[in-house]
Amino acid sequence: MIKYKHYNIFGLSEATISHIFETLSNLNENKIQATIVHNVPYNPKLPFAHKNIIHTIISDSKLDYKGIKNCFLGVHRPHVKKQVYNYFENEHEVNPSSYINIVSKHSIVSSTTKMKFGNYICDGTIFSSYVNLASFITISKGCIIGHHTNIGDFCTLNQAVQIAGNCEIGENVSIGMAAKIVDGITIGKNTIIGAGSLVNKNIPEGVVAYGVPAKIIRTSETKL
């Protein structure tokens, strides 16, 4: 008889949930059960190929939240992650300690790395020494994070982002694919950095910046 490990995924994004399943199955040799919880009833078709993953899709009102654990936010965009987290905290009293970190076995994470709750570290990511992650951060495939860099709550780094050492990334920041952040940079909260950008000076909070070098284009519409 196969023994499954059970996870509760609070999710909106089918593609994100599918990718999380793939990472979890690699960590647990495909022996997974998952309850996918949405705050409105829906029934998506989730595209994944792991036959040993048993999943159930339910609305939030049908889950027993007492003592719940092994939770994860199956959401990619920073401001949506924060909204989903706030919903389950306020409506169902799901506290941060209920959430797990998921770290791909194909990533390289320094022993000096510190992270709180609900972070998702994808394949091919490399952390240098003394990286500090807050909570609910998504770091996509192939990212490189330099030494003594701090990343705030609900951030999302898309594929192949490179951050040099001594950087400060505020909460709710989205950094586009293949963007590069040079040493010692601060990026303010609620800011979006466009794909392929080179950030060589500090970027304030609540803006969209893009280009080589990155320049502020407009204010951000994702403030929370």
C-alpha atoms as a PDB file:
ATOM      1  CA  MET A   1       0.000   0.000   0.000  1.00  0.00           C
ATOM      2  CA  ILE A   2       1.382   3.410  -1.023  1.00  0.00           C
ATOM      3  CA  LYS A   3       1.676   5.967   1.787  1.00  0.00           C
ATOM      4  CA  TYR A   4       0.893   9.470   0.560  1.00  0.00           C
ATOM      5  CA  LYS A   5       1.935  12.815   2.015  1.00  0.00           C
ATOM      6  CA  HIS A   6      -0.911  15.324   2.070  1.00  0.00           C
ATOM      7  CA  TYR A   7      -0.734  19.030   1.176  1.00  0.00           C
ATOM      8  CA  ASN A   8      -3.322  21.828   1.217  1.00  0.00           C
ATOM      9  CA  ILE A   9      -2.821  24.234  -1.669  1.00  0.00           C
ATOM     10  CA  PHE A  10      -4.685  27.545  -1.687  1.00  0.00           C
ATOM     11  CA  GLY A  11      -4.560  28.315  -5.378  1.00  0.00           C
ATOM     12  CA  LEU A  12      -5.860  30.322  -8.280  1.00  0.00           C
ATOM     13  CA  SER A  13      -3.308  29.551 -10.990  1.00  0.00           C
ATOM     14  CA  GLU A  14      -3.565  26.171 -12.728  1.00  0.00           C
ATOM     15  CA  ALA A  15      -0.070  26.465 -14.222  1.00  0.00           C
ATOM     16  CA  THR A  16       1.457  27.364 -10.846  1.00  0.00           C
ATOM     17  CA  ILE A  17      -0.294  24.500  -9.069  1.00  0.00           C
ATOM     18  CA  SER A  18       0.852  22.078 -11.773  1.00  0.00           C
ATOM     19  CA  HIS A  19       4.454  23.206 -11.333  1.00  0.00           C
ATOM     20  CA  ILE A  20       4.215  22.894  -7.546  1.00  0.00           C
ATOM     21  CA  PHE A  21       2.929  19.338  -7.988  1.00  0.00           C
ATOM     22  CA  GLU A  22       5.919  18.482 -10.155  1.00  0.00           C
ATOM     23  CA  THR A  23       8.373  19.792  -7.530  1.00  0.00           C
ATOM     24  CA  LEU A  24       6.574  18.047  -4.668  1.00  0.00           C
ATOM     25  CA  SER A  25       6.464  14.757  -6.532  1.00  0.00           C
ATOM     26  CA  ASN A  26      10.226  14.906  -7.086  1.00  0.00           C
ATOM     27  CA  LEU A  27      10.748  15.557  -3.376  1.00  0.00           C
ATOM     28  CA  ASN A  28       8.363  12.805  -2.295  1.00  0.00           C
ATOM     29  CA  GLU A  29       8.807  10.209  -5.064  1.00  0.00           C
ATOM     30  CA  ASN A  30       5.314  10.921  -6.461  1.00  0.00           C
ATOM     31  CA  LYS A  31       3.536   9.879  -3.250  1.00  0.00           C
ATOM     32  CA  ILE A  32       1.297  12.921  -2.866  1.00  0.00           C
ATOM     33  CA  GLN A  33      -2.249  13.786  -1.980  1.00  0.00           C
ATOM     34  CA  ALA A  34      -3.420  17.375  -2.344  1.00  0.00           C
ATOM     35  CA  THR A  35      -6.512  19.351  -1.494  1.00  0.00           C
ATOM     36  CA  ILE A  36      -6.766  22.384  -3.767  1.00  0.00           C
ATOM     37  CA  VAL A  37      -8.826  25.107  -2.138  1.00  0.00           C
ATOM     38  CA  HIS A  38     -10.388  28.068  -3.899  1.00  0.00           C
ATOM     39  CA  ASN A  39     -12.503  30.744  -2.266  1.00  0.00           C
ATOM     40  CA  VAL A  40     -15.177  30.291  -4.918  1.00  0.00           C
ATOM     41  CA  PRO A  41     -16.268  26.881  -6.270  1.00  0.00           C
ATOM     42  CA  TYR A  42     -14.664  25.954  -9.590  1.00  0.00           C
ATOM     43  CA  ASN A  43     -13.405  22.861 -11.348  1.00  0.00           C
ATOM     44  CA  PRO A  44     -10.299  23.418 -13.492  1.00  0.00           C
ATOM     45  CA  LYS A  45      -8.497  20.690 -15.370  1.00  0.00           C
ATOM     46  CA  LEU A  46      -5.000  20.645 -13.914  1.00  0.00           C
ATOM     47  CA  PRO A  47      -2.306  19.688 -16.474  1.00  0.00           C
ATOM     48  CA  PHE A  48       0.122  17.349 -14.745  1.00  0.00           C
ATOM     49  CA  ALA A  49       1.387  13.888 -15.627  1.00  0.00           C
ATOM     50  CA  HIS A  50       2.042  12.262 -12.247  1.00  0.00           C
ATOM     51  CA  LYS A  51      -0.389   9.383 -11.939  1.00  0.00           C
ATOM     52  CA  ASN A  52       0.315   8.895  -8.217  1.00  0.00           C
ATOM     53  CA  ILE A  53      -0.814  12.400  -7.305  1.00  0.00           C
ATOM     54  CA  ILE A  54      -4.318  12.296  -5.890  1.00  0.00           C
ATOM     55  CA  HIS A  55      -6.016  15.687  -5.829  1.00  0.00           C
ATOM     56  CA  THR A  56      -9.370  17.048  -4.752  1.00  0.00           C
ATOM     57  CA  ILE A  57     -10.715  20.480  -5.692  1.00  0.00           C
ATOM     58  CA  ILE A  58     -13.075  22.060  -3.168  1.00  0.00           C
ATOM     59  CA  SER A  59     -14.397  25.446  -2.138  1.00  0.00           C
ATOM     60  CA  ASP A  60     -13.009  27.005   1.017  1.00  0.00           C
ATOM     61  CA  SER A  61     -16.180  26.364   3.033  1.00  0.00           C
ATOM     62  CA  LYS A  62     -15.725  22.582   2.796  1.00  0.00           C
ATOM     63  CA  LEU A  63     -12.298  22.334   4.437  1.00  0.00           C
ATOM     64  CA  ASP A  64     -11.689  21.696   8.136  1.00  0.00           C
ATOM     65  CA  TYR A  65      -9.157  24.371   9.118  1.00  0.00           C
ATOM     66  CA  LYS A  66      -8.652  23.289  12.726  1.00  0.00           C
ATOM     67  CA  GLY A  67      -4.966  22.437  13.211  1.00  0.00           C
ATOM     68  CA  ILE A  68      -4.350  22.614   9.475  1.00  0.00           C
ATOM     69  CA  LYS A  69      -0.749  22.213   8.287  1.00  0.00           C
ATOM     70  CA  ASN A  70       1.290  21.581   5.114  1.00  0.00           C
ATOM     71  CA  CYS A  71      -0.373  24.582   3.449  1.00  0.00           C
ATOM     72  CA  PHE A  72       0.932  26.457   0.433  1.00  0.00           C
ATOM     73  CA  LEU A  73      -0.191  29.377  -1.746  1.00  0.00           C
ATOM     74  CA  GLY A  74      -0.499  28.186  -5.334  1.00  0.00           C
ATOM     75  CA  VAL A  75      -0.355  31.721  -6.718  1.00  0.00           C
ATOM     76  CA  HIS A  76       2.331  33.536  -8.722  1.00  0.00           C
ATOM     77  CA  ARG A  77       1.572  37.271  -8.777  1.00  0.00           C
ATOM     78  CA  PRO A  78       2.679  39.106  -5.604  1.00  0.00           C
ATOM     79  CA  HIS A  79      -0.458  41.171  -4.993  1.00  0.00           C
ATOM     80  CA  VAL A  80      -2.714  38.148  -5.605  1.00  0.00           C
ATOM     81  CA  LYS A  81      -0.640  36.015  -3.222  1.00  0.00           C
ATOM     82  CA  LYS A  82      -1.140  38.655  -0.561  1.00  0.00           C
ATOM     83  CA  GLN A  83      -4.886  38.839  -1.179  1.00  0.00           C
ATOM     84  CA  VAL A  84      -5.259  35.043  -0.975  1.00  0.00           C
ATOM     85  CA  TYR A  85      -3.142  34.876   2.199  1.00  0.00           C
ATOM     86  CA  ASN A  86      -5.154  37.674   3.832  1.00  0.00           C
ATOM     87  CA  TYR A  87      -8.407  35.944   2.923  1.00  0.00           C
ATOM     88  CA  PHE A  88      -7.490  32.634   4.565  1.00  0.00           C
ATOM     89  CA  GLU A  89      -5.984  34.385   7.590  1.00  0.00           C
ATOM     90  CA  ASN A  90      -9.007  36.625   8.160  1.00  0.00           C
ATOM     91  CA  GLU A  91     -11.790  34.208   7.237  1.00  0.00           C
ATOM     92  CA  HIS A  92     -10.339  30.906   8.468  1.00  0.00           C
ATOM     93  CA  GLU A  93      -7.539  31.912  10.900  1.00  0.00           C
ATOM     94  CA  VAL A  94      -4.821  30.090   8.933  1.00  0.00           C
ATOM     95  CA  ASN A  95      -1.642  31.456  10.523  1.00  0.00           C
ATOM     96  CA  PRO A  96       1.833  31.694   8.947  1.00  0.00           C
ATOM     97  CA  SER A  97       3.193  28.651  10.775  1.00  0.00           C
ATOM     98  CA  SER A  98       0.683  26.474   8.868  1.00  0.00           C
ATOM     99  CA  TYR A  99       2.571  27.145   5.628  1.00  0.00           C
ATOM    100  CA  ILE A 100       5.564  25.132   4.446  1.00  0.00           C
ATOM    101  CA  ASN A 101       8.605  26.046   2.369  1.00  0.00           C
ATOM    102  CA  ILE A 102       9.040  24.076  -0.852  1.00  0.00           C
ATOM    103  CA  VAL A 103      12.665  23.917  -2.010  1.00  0.00           C
ATOM    104  CA  SER A 104      13.493  21.982  -5.166  1.00  0.00           C
ATOM    105  CA  LYS A 105      16.123  19.293  -4.736  1.00  0.00           C
ATOM    106  CA  HIS A 106      17.649  20.636  -7.959  1.00  0.00           C
ATOM    107  CA  SER A 107      18.479  24.011  -6.384  1.00  0.00           C
ATOM    108  CA  ILE A 108      21.638  25.031  -4.514  1.00  0.00           C
ATOM    109  CA  VAL A 109      20.839  26.804  -1.252  1.00  0.00           C
ATOM    110  CA  SER A 110      23.616  27.910   1.104  1.00  0.00           C
ATOM    111  CA  SER A 111      23.493  26.595   4.656  1.00  0.00           C
ATOM    112  CA  THR A 112      23.507  30.233   5.810  1.00  0.00           C
ATOM    113  CA  THR A 113      20.225  30.999   4.015  1.00  0.00           C
ATOM    114  CA  LYS A 114      17.321  31.923   6.285  1.00  0.00           C
ATOM    115  CA  MET A 115      13.685  31.751   5.238  1.00  0.00           C
ATOM    116  CA  LYS A 116      10.368  32.077   7.060  1.00  0.00           C
ATOM    117  CA  PHE A 117       7.142  30.523   5.744  1.00  0.00           C
ATOM    118  CA  GLY A 118       5.521  29.605   2.443  1.00  0.00           C
ATOM    119  CA  ASN A 119       8.456  30.151   0.100  1.00  0.00           C
ATOM    120  CA  TYR A 120       8.804  28.312  -3.210  1.00  0.00           C
ATOM    121  CA  ILE A 121      12.313  27.767  -4.595  1.00  0.00           C
ATOM    122  CA  CYS A 122      12.325  26.246  -8.087  1.00  0.00           C
ATOM    123  CA  ASP A 123      14.827  24.129 -10.031  1.00  0.00           C
ATOM    124  CA  GLY A 124      18.258  25.506 -10.851  1.00  0.00           C
ATOM    125  CA  THR A 125      18.208  28.350  -8.339  1.00  0.00           C
ATOM    126  CA  ILE A 126      21.513  29.221  -6.643  1.00  0.00           C
ATOM    127  CA  PHE A 127      21.741  31.085  -3.317  1.00  0.00           C
ATOM    128  CA  SER A 128      25.020  32.551  -2.172  1.00  0.00           C
ATOM    129  CA  SER A 129      25.782  33.024   1.514  1.00  0.00           C
ATOM    130  CA  TYR A 130      23.585  34.868   4.029  1.00  0.00           C
ATOM    131  CA  VAL A 131      20.484  35.324   1.888  1.00  0.00           C
ATOM    132  CA  ASN A 132      17.390  36.192   3.948  1.00  0.00           C
ATOM    133  CA  LEU A 133      13.911  35.406   2.652  1.00  0.00           C
ATOM    134  CA  ALA A 134      10.774  36.656   4.379  1.00  0.00           C
ATOM    135  CA  SER A 135       7.552  34.715   3.591  1.00  0.00           C
ATOM    136  CA  PHE A 136       5.532  33.679   0.524  1.00  0.00           C
ATOM    137  CA  ILE A 137       8.301  34.368  -1.987  1.00  0.00           C
ATOM    138  CA  THR A 138       8.422  32.609  -5.354  1.00  0.00           C
ATOM    139  CA  ILE A 139      11.855  32.219  -6.935  1.00  0.00           C
ATOM    140  CA  SER A 140      11.531  30.710 -10.390  1.00  0.00           C
ATOM    141  CA  LYS A 141      13.875  28.457 -12.348  1.00  0.00           C
ATOM    142  CA  GLY A 142      17.485  29.452 -12.884  1.00  0.00           C
ATOM    143  CA  CYS A 143      17.652  32.476 -10.566  1.00  0.00           C
ATOM    144  CA  ILE A 144      20.900  33.482  -8.859  1.00  0.00           C
ATOM    145  CA  ILE A 145      20.729  35.360  -5.541  1.00  0.00           C
ATOM    146  CA  GLY A 146      23.913  37.019  -4.281  1.00  0.00           C
ATOM    147  CA  HIS A 147      25.291  37.211  -0.752  1.00  0.00           C
ATOM    148  CA  HIS A 148      23.687  39.255   2.032  1.00  0.00           C
ATOM    149  CA  THR A 149      20.556  39.940  -0.011  1.00  0.00           C
ATOM    150  CA  ASN A 150      17.198  40.402   1.748  1.00  0.00           C
ATOM    151  CA  ILE A 151      13.895  39.716  -0.034  1.00  0.00           C
ATOM    152  CA  GLY A 152      10.558  40.823   1.420  1.00  0.00           C
ATOM    153  CA  ASP A 153       7.164  39.124   1.756  1.00  0.00           C
ATOM    154  CA  PHE A 154       5.107  38.087  -1.305  1.00  0.00           C
ATOM    155  CA  CYS A 155       7.818  38.810  -3.884  1.00  0.00           C
ATOM    156  CA  THR A 156       8.038  36.929  -7.176  1.00  0.00           C
ATOM    157  CA  LEU A 157      11.244  36.490  -9.154  1.00  0.00           C
ATOM    158  CA  ASN A 158      10.609  35.133 -12.627  1.00  0.00           C
ATOM    159  CA  GLN A 159      12.970  32.824 -14.515  1.00  0.00           C
ATOM    160  CA  ALA A 160      16.708  33.552 -14.742  1.00  0.00           C
ATOM    161  CA  VAL A 161      16.728  36.682 -12.567  1.00  0.00           C
ATOM    162  CA  GLN A 162      20.185  37.574 -11.263  1.00  0.00           C
ATOM    163  CA  ILE A 163      20.578  39.600  -8.068  1.00  0.00           C
ATOM    164  CA  ALA A 164      24.076  40.594  -6.966  1.00  0.00           C
ATOM    165  CA  GLY A 165      25.131  40.877  -3.323  1.00  0.00           C
ATOM    166  CA  ASN A 166      23.959  43.293  -0.627  1.00  0.00           C
ATOM    167  CA  CYS A 167      20.591  44.026  -2.236  1.00  0.00           C
ATOM    168  CA  GLU A 168      17.320  44.923  -0.497  1.00  0.00           C
ATOM    169  CA  ILE A 169      14.091  43.870  -2.217  1.00  0.00           C
ATOM    170  CA  GLY A 170      10.938  45.249  -0.597  1.00  0.00           C
ATOM    171  CA  GLU A 171       7.706  43.321  -0.115  1.00  0.00           C
ATOM    172  CA  ASN A 172       5.264  42.646  -2.956  1.00  0.00           C
ATOM    173  CA  VAL A 173       7.902  43.172  -5.677  1.00  0.00           C
ATOM    174  CA  SER A 174       7.770  41.419  -9.055  1.00  0.00           C
ATOM    175  CA  ILE A 175      10.995  41.048 -11.046  1.00  0.00           C
ATOM    176  CA  GLY A 176      10.649  40.020 -14.685  1.00  0.00           C
ATOM    177  CA  MET A 177      12.434  37.222 -16.493  1.00  0.00           C
ATOM    178  CA  ALA A 178      16.217  37.586 -16.980  1.00  0.00           C
ATOM    179  CA  ALA A 179      16.406  40.930 -15.183  1.00  0.00           C
ATOM    180  CA  LYS A 180      19.748  41.763 -13.548  1.00  0.00           C
ATOM    181  CA  ILE A 181      20.161  43.704 -10.299  1.00  0.00           C
ATOM    182  CA  VAL A 182      23.688  44.989  -9.596  1.00  0.00           C
ATOM    183  CA  ASP A 183      25.397  45.038  -6.203  1.00  0.00           C
ATOM    184  CA  GLY A 184      24.009  47.127  -3.351  1.00  0.00           C
ATOM    185  CA  ILE A 185      20.647  48.045  -4.937  1.00  0.00           C
ATOM    186  CA  THR A 186      17.415  48.728  -3.025  1.00  0.00           C
ATOM    187  CA  ILE A 187      14.030  48.170  -4.701  1.00  0.00           C
ATOM    188  CA  GLY A 188      11.023  49.582  -2.845  1.00  0.00           C
ATOM    189  CA  LYS A 189       7.835  47.673  -2.054  1.00  0.00           C
ATOM    190  CA  ASN A 190       4.997  47.244  -4.587  1.00  0.00           C
ATOM    191  CA  THR A 191       7.379  47.794  -7.507  1.00  0.00           C
ATOM    192  CA  ILE A 192       7.556  45.915 -10.815  1.00  0.00           C
ATOM    193  CA  ILE A 193      10.829  45.431 -12.704  1.00  0.00           C
ATOM    194  CA  GLY A 194      10.364  44.559 -16.367  1.00  0.00           C
ATOM    195  CA  ALA A 195      11.846  41.496 -18.051  1.00  0.00           C
ATOM    196  CA  GLY A 196      15.422  41.826 -19.272  1.00  0.00           C
ATOM    197  CA  SER A 197      16.052  45.028 -17.324  1.00  0.00           C
ATOM    198  CA  LEU A 198      19.384  46.041 -15.842  1.00  0.00           C
ATOM    199  CA  VAL A 199      18.870  47.764 -12.490  1.00  0.00           C
ATOM    200  CA  ASN A 200      21.968  49.801 -11.639  1.00  0.00           C
ATOM    201  CA  LYS A 201      20.432  52.359  -9.278  1.00  0.00           C
ATOM    202  CA  ASN A 202      17.885  52.284  -6.463  1.00  0.00           C
ATOM    203  CA  ILE A 203      14.226  52.064  -7.490  1.00  0.00           C
ATOM    204  CA  PRO A 204      11.570  53.611  -5.199  1.00  0.00           C
ATOM    205  CA  GLU A 205       8.386  51.927  -4.056  1.00  0.00           C
ATOM    206  CA  GLY A 206       5.211  51.719  -6.077  1.00  0.00           C
ATOM    207  CA  VAL A 207       6.587  52.101  -9.608  1.00  0.00           C
ATOM    208  CA  VAL A 208       7.139  50.149 -12.809  1.00  0.00           C
ATOM    209  CA  ALA A 209      10.729  50.270 -14.093  1.00  0.00           C
ATOM    210  CA  TYR A 210      12.062  48.785 -17.318  1.00  0.00           C
ATOM    211  CA  GLY A 211      15.043  48.962 -19.670  1.00  0.00           C
ATOM    212  CA  VAL A 212      18.836  48.812 -19.880  1.00  0.00           C
ATOM    213  CA  PRO A 213      19.465  50.589 -17.639  1.00  0.00           C
ATOM    214  CA  ALA A 214      16.079  50.436 -15.907  1.00  0.00           C
ATOM    215  CA  LYS A 215      14.075  53.666 -15.875  1.00  0.00           C
ATOM    216  CA  ILE A 216      10.801  54.454 -14.134  1.00  0.00           C
ATOM    217  CA  ILE A 217       7.939  54.290 -16.616  1.00  0.00           C
ATOM    218  CA  ARG A 218       4.896  54.863 -14.430  1.00  0.00           C
ATOM    219  CA  THR A 219       3.433  54.201 -11.017  1.00  0.00           C
ATOM    220  CA  SER A 220       2.394  50.689 -10.077  1.00  0.00           C
ATOM    221  CA  GLU A 221      -1.258  49.683  -9.842  1.00  0.00           C
ATOM    222  CA  THR A 222      -0.636  46.774  -7.440  1.00  0.00           C
ATOM    223  CA  LYS A 223      -0.323  48.620  -4.139  1.00  0.00           C
ATOM    224  CA  LEU A 224      -1.884  46.868  -1.143  1.00  0.00           C
END
